[in-house]
Amino acid sequence: MEDKKIVIFYSFLTAAVFLFFCLWYFTQGTTEAFIRDGSETSAEVYAEETETEAVAEAIDEAVTETAAAEVSEAAKININTASAEELCALPGIGEKTAESIITYRNENGGFNETAEIMNIKGIGEKTFQSLENMITIE
């Protein structure tokens, strides 16, 4: 009689573990778990979750782009006020070019537009294109 109780206990324990695993598996959101039974309800739930995730991702992306734009605008180097060290942080700008930028802006009353930086010897159109989104005159 004692052996039967142990067998029954382990049978219930095994069934409980299996049930727990099934519940866990079906709450993981896998496509197979939602659509395996082929019911319309499961497919609708999956479609709603997918749509919700897509909206959430779009919102995250928009927030990230907006934040990046704000940060990049704040991180731009003002070529009318930047020190030689700050100018040297720009790609393709060394100490000599940084000094040329400072000399040019002092002699000409500053830059009126960012493209005017191409008047500096050593900064051509290619260099300007790489700097364009990193510099400002405001």
C-alpha atoms as a PDB file:
ATOM      1  CA  MET A   1       0.000   0.000   0.000  1.00  0.00           C
ATOM      2  CA  GLU A   2       2.872   2.355   0.837  1.00  0.00           C
ATOM      3  CA  ASP A   3       4.424   1.764  -2.607  1.00  0.00           C
ATOM      4  CA  LYS A   4       1.169   2.775  -4.334  1.00  0.00           C
ATOM      5  CA  LYS A   5       1.116   6.069  -2.416  1.00  0.00           C
ATOM      6  CA  ILE A   6       4.679   6.826  -3.526  1.00  0.00           C
ATOM      7  CA  VAL A   7       3.858   6.000  -7.152  1.00  0.00           C
ATOM      8  CA  ILE A   8       0.732   8.179  -7.033  1.00  0.00           C
ATOM      9  CA  PHE A   9       2.695  11.010  -5.401  1.00  0.00           C
ATOM     10  CA  TYR A  10       5.393  10.913  -8.089  1.00  0.00           C
ATOM     11  CA  SER A  11       2.746  10.695 -10.817  1.00  0.00           C
ATOM     12  CA  PHE A  12       1.082  13.860  -9.517  1.00  0.00           C
ATOM     13  CA  LEU A  13       4.480  15.538  -9.135  1.00  0.00           C
ATOM     14  CA  THR A  14       5.424  14.655 -12.713  1.00  0.00           C
ATOM     15  CA  ALA A  15       2.062  15.917 -13.989  1.00  0.00           C
ATOM     16  CA  ALA A  16       2.477  19.183 -12.052  1.00  0.00           C
ATOM     17  CA  VAL A  17       5.971  19.726 -13.461  1.00  0.00           C
ATOM     18  CA  PHE A  18       4.733  19.000 -16.970  1.00  0.00           C
ATOM     19  CA  LEU A  19       1.813  21.404 -16.530  1.00  0.00           C
ATOM     20  CA  PHE A  20       4.143  24.103 -15.206  1.00  0.00           C
ATOM     21  CA  PHE A  21       6.459  23.614 -18.214  1.00  0.00           C
ATOM     22  CA  CYS A  22       3.521  23.846 -20.652  1.00  0.00           C
ATOM     23  CA  LEU A  23       2.267  27.042 -19.041  1.00  0.00           C
ATOM     24  CA  TRP A  24       5.753  28.524 -19.133  1.00  0.00           C
ATOM     25  CA  TYR A  25       6.283  27.525 -22.767  1.00  0.00           C
ATOM     26  CA  PHE A  26       2.992  28.983 -23.979  1.00  0.00           C
ATOM     27  CA  THR A  27       3.658  32.318 -22.280  1.00  0.00           C
ATOM     28  CA  GLN A  28       7.009  32.794 -24.042  1.00  0.00           C
ATOM     29  CA  GLY A  29       5.369  34.336 -27.108  1.00  0.00           C
ATOM     30  CA  THR A  30       6.889  32.038 -29.707  1.00  0.00           C
ATOM     31  CA  THR A  31       5.083  31.811 -33.014  1.00  0.00           C
ATOM     32  CA  GLU A  32       4.847  28.057 -32.727  1.00  0.00           C
ATOM     33  CA  ALA A  33       3.275  28.279 -29.279  1.00  0.00           C
ATOM     34  CA  PHE A  34       0.550  30.700 -30.402  1.00  0.00           C
ATOM     35  CA  ILE A  35      -0.296  29.213 -33.766  1.00  0.00           C
ATOM     36  CA  ARG A  36       0.347  25.490 -33.234  1.00  0.00           C
ATOM     37  CA  ASP A  37      -3.289  24.778 -32.361  1.00  0.00           C
ATOM     38  CA  GLY A  38      -4.422  26.677 -35.475  1.00  0.00           C
ATOM     39  CA  SER A  39      -7.199  28.525 -33.706  1.00  0.00           C
ATOM     40  CA  GLU A  40      -8.156  31.954 -34.921  1.00  0.00           C
ATOM     41  CA  THR A  41      -7.975  33.339 -31.386  1.00  0.00           C
ATOM     42  CA  SER A  42      -4.344  32.366 -30.994  1.00  0.00           C
ATOM     43  CA  ALA A  43      -3.460  33.904 -34.342  1.00  0.00           C
ATOM     44  CA  GLU A  44      -5.309  37.120 -33.430  1.00  0.00           C
ATOM     45  CA  VAL A  45      -3.505  37.349 -30.092  1.00  0.00           C
ATOM     46  CA  TYR A  46      -0.177  36.839 -31.851  1.00  0.00           C
ATOM     47  CA  ALA A  47      -1.047  39.500 -34.475  1.00  0.00           C
ATOM     48  CA  GLU A  48      -2.043  41.996 -31.773  1.00  0.00           C
ATOM     49  CA  GLU A  49       1.180  41.362 -29.846  1.00  0.00           C
ATOM     50  CA  THR A  50       3.226  41.728 -33.024  1.00  0.00           C
ATOM     51  CA  GLU A  51       1.465  45.006 -33.854  1.00  0.00           C
ATOM     52  CA  THR A  52       2.005  46.285 -30.306  1.00  0.00           C
ATOM     53  CA  GLU A  53       5.691  45.373 -30.471  1.00  0.00           C
ATOM     54  CA  ALA A  54       6.036  47.145 -33.842  1.00  0.00           C
ATOM     55  CA  VAL A  55       4.428  50.305 -32.431  1.00  0.00           C
ATOM     56  CA  ALA A  56       6.692  50.161 -29.377  1.00  0.00           C
ATOM     57  CA  GLU A  57       9.750  49.730 -31.583  1.00  0.00           C
ATOM     58  CA  ALA A  58       8.685  52.668 -33.776  1.00  0.00           C
ATOM     59  CA  ILE A  59       8.235  54.873 -30.703  1.00  0.00           C
ATOM     60  CA  ASP A  60      11.623  53.808 -29.328  1.00  0.00           C
ATOM     61  CA  GLU A  61      13.248  54.538 -32.685  1.00  0.00           C
ATOM     62  CA  ALA A  62      11.622  57.974 -32.936  1.00  0.00           C
ATOM     63  CA  VAL A  63      12.667  58.873 -29.394  1.00  0.00           C
ATOM     64  CA  THR A  64      16.199  57.647 -30.066  1.00  0.00           C
ATOM     65  CA  GLU A  65      16.458  59.653 -33.313  1.00  0.00           C
ATOM     66  CA  THR A  66      15.105  62.787 -31.623  1.00  0.00           C
ATOM     67  CA  ALA A  67      17.508  62.405 -28.713  1.00  0.00           C
ATOM     68  CA  ALA A  68      20.392  61.740 -31.099  1.00  0.00           C
ATOM     69  CA  ALA A  69      19.524  64.857 -33.107  1.00  0.00           C
ATOM     70  CA  GLU A  70      19.412  66.953 -29.933  1.00  0.00           C
ATOM     71  CA  VAL A  71      22.687  65.510 -28.690  1.00  0.00           C
ATOM     72  CA  SER A  72      24.381  65.886 -32.063  1.00  0.00           C
ATOM     73  CA  GLU A  73      23.185  69.486 -32.350  1.00  0.00           C
ATOM     74  CA  ALA A  74      24.558  70.208 -28.890  1.00  0.00           C
ATOM     75  CA  ALA A  75      27.770  68.319 -29.684  1.00  0.00           C
ATOM     76  CA  LYS A  76      28.505  70.292 -32.844  1.00  0.00           C
ATOM     77  CA  ILE A  77      31.603  72.423 -32.688  1.00  0.00           C
ATOM     78  CA  ASN A  78      31.076  76.126 -33.291  1.00  0.00           C
ATOM     79  CA  ILE A  79      33.881  77.086 -35.682  1.00  0.00           C
ATOM     80  CA  ASN A  80      33.423  80.755 -34.729  1.00  0.00           C
ATOM     81  CA  THR A  81      34.234  80.162 -31.056  1.00  0.00           C
ATOM     82  CA  ALA A  82      36.091  76.834 -30.813  1.00  0.00           C
ATOM     83  CA  SER A  83      39.593  76.638 -29.411  1.00  0.00           C
ATOM     84  CA  ALA A  84      42.425  74.977 -31.323  1.00  0.00           C
ATOM     85  CA  GLU A  85      42.018  71.874 -29.136  1.00  0.00           C
ATOM     86  CA  GLU A  86      38.307  71.632 -29.939  1.00  0.00           C
ATOM     87  CA  LEU A  87      38.968  72.062 -33.654  1.00  0.00           C
ATOM     88  CA  CYS A  88      41.641  69.354 -33.549  1.00  0.00           C
ATOM     89  CA  ALA A  89      38.963  66.941 -32.291  1.00  0.00           C
ATOM     90  CA  LEU A  90      37.373  67.113 -35.733  1.00  0.00           C
ATOM     91  CA  PRO A  91      38.448  64.445 -38.236  1.00  0.00           C
ATOM     92  CA  GLY A  92      41.058  65.695 -40.698  1.00  0.00           C
ATOM     93  CA  ILE A  93      41.869  68.827 -38.655  1.00  0.00           C
ATOM     94  CA  GLY A  94      45.345  69.011 -37.201  1.00  0.00           C
ATOM     95  CA  GLU A  95      47.055  71.738 -35.189  1.00  0.00           C
ATOM     96  CA  LYS A  96      48.172  73.696 -38.253  1.00  0.00           C
ATOM     97  CA  THR A  97      44.700  73.658 -39.836  1.00  0.00           C
ATOM     98  CA  ALA A  98      43.086  74.565 -36.500  1.00  0.00           C
ATOM     99  CA  GLU A  99      45.373  77.597 -36.232  1.00  0.00           C
ATOM    100  CA  SER A 100      44.501  78.531 -39.838  1.00  0.00           C
ATOM    101  CA  ILE A 101      40.789  78.382 -38.970  1.00  0.00           C
ATOM    102  CA  ILE A 102      41.315  80.654 -35.949  1.00  0.00           C
ATOM    103  CA  THR A 103      43.404  83.089 -37.992  1.00  0.00           C
ATOM    104  CA  TYR A 104      40.813  83.179 -40.782  1.00  0.00           C
ATOM    105  CA  ARG A 105      37.902  83.856 -38.434  1.00  0.00           C
ATOM    106  CA  ASN A 106      39.865  86.605 -36.608  1.00  0.00           C
ATOM    107  CA  GLU A 107      40.802  88.307 -39.882  1.00  0.00           C
ATOM    108  CA  ASN A 108      37.336  87.998 -41.449  1.00  0.00           C
ATOM    109  CA  GLY A 109      35.071  88.555 -38.445  1.00  0.00           C
ATOM    110  CA  GLY A 110      34.038  84.925 -38.207  1.00  0.00           C
ATOM    111  CA  PHE A 111      32.373  82.487 -40.559  1.00  0.00           C
ATOM    112  CA  ASN A 112      29.006  83.439 -42.067  1.00  0.00           C
ATOM    113  CA  GLU A 113      28.256  79.875 -43.151  1.00  0.00           C
ATOM    114  CA  THR A 114      29.851  76.504 -42.483  1.00  0.00           C
ATOM    115  CA  ALA A 115      30.823  76.020 -46.149  1.00  0.00           C
ATOM    116  CA  GLU A 116      33.122  79.020 -45.798  1.00  0.00           C
ATOM    117  CA  ILE A 117      35.541  76.717 -43.962  1.00  0.00           C
ATOM    118  CA  MET A 118      36.594  75.476 -47.418  1.00  0.00           C
ATOM    119  CA  ASN A 119      38.472  78.780 -47.767  1.00  0.00           C
ATOM    120  CA  ILE A 120      41.033  77.312 -45.348  1.00  0.00           C
ATOM    121  CA  LYS A 121      44.021  75.700 -47.050  1.00  0.00           C
ATOM    122  CA  GLY A 122      43.792  71.931 -46.631  1.00  0.00           C
ATOM    123  CA  ILE A 123      40.003  71.811 -46.312  1.00  0.00           C
ATOM    124  CA  GLY A 124      38.389  70.882 -49.579  1.00  0.00           C
ATOM    125  CA  GLU A 125      34.953  69.702 -50.515  1.00  0.00           C
ATOM    126  CA  LYS A 126      35.620  66.123 -49.381  1.00  0.00           C
ATOM    127  CA  THR A 127      36.821  67.210 -45.936  1.00  0.00           C
ATOM    128  CA  PHE A 128      33.939  69.660 -45.634  1.00  0.00           C
ATOM    129  CA  GLN A 129      31.419  66.900 -46.385  1.00  0.00           C
ATOM    130  CA  SER A 130      32.858  64.801 -43.558  1.00  0.00           C
ATOM    131  CA  LEU A 131      32.743  67.811 -41.190  1.00  0.00           C
ATOM    132  CA  GLU A 132      29.429  69.327 -42.293  1.00  0.00           C
ATOM    133  CA  ASN A 133      27.291  67.548 -39.684  1.00  0.00           C
ATOM    134  CA  MET A 134      29.830  68.159 -36.923  1.00  0.00           C
ATOM    135  CA  ILE A 135      30.257  71.916 -37.173  1.00  0.00           C
ATOM    136  CA  THR A 136      28.071  74.967 -36.726  1.00  0.00           C
ATOM    137  CA  ILE A 137      28.418  78.755 -36.796  1.00  0.00           C
ATOM    138  CA  GLU A 138      25.804  79.394 -34.107  1.00  0.00           C
END
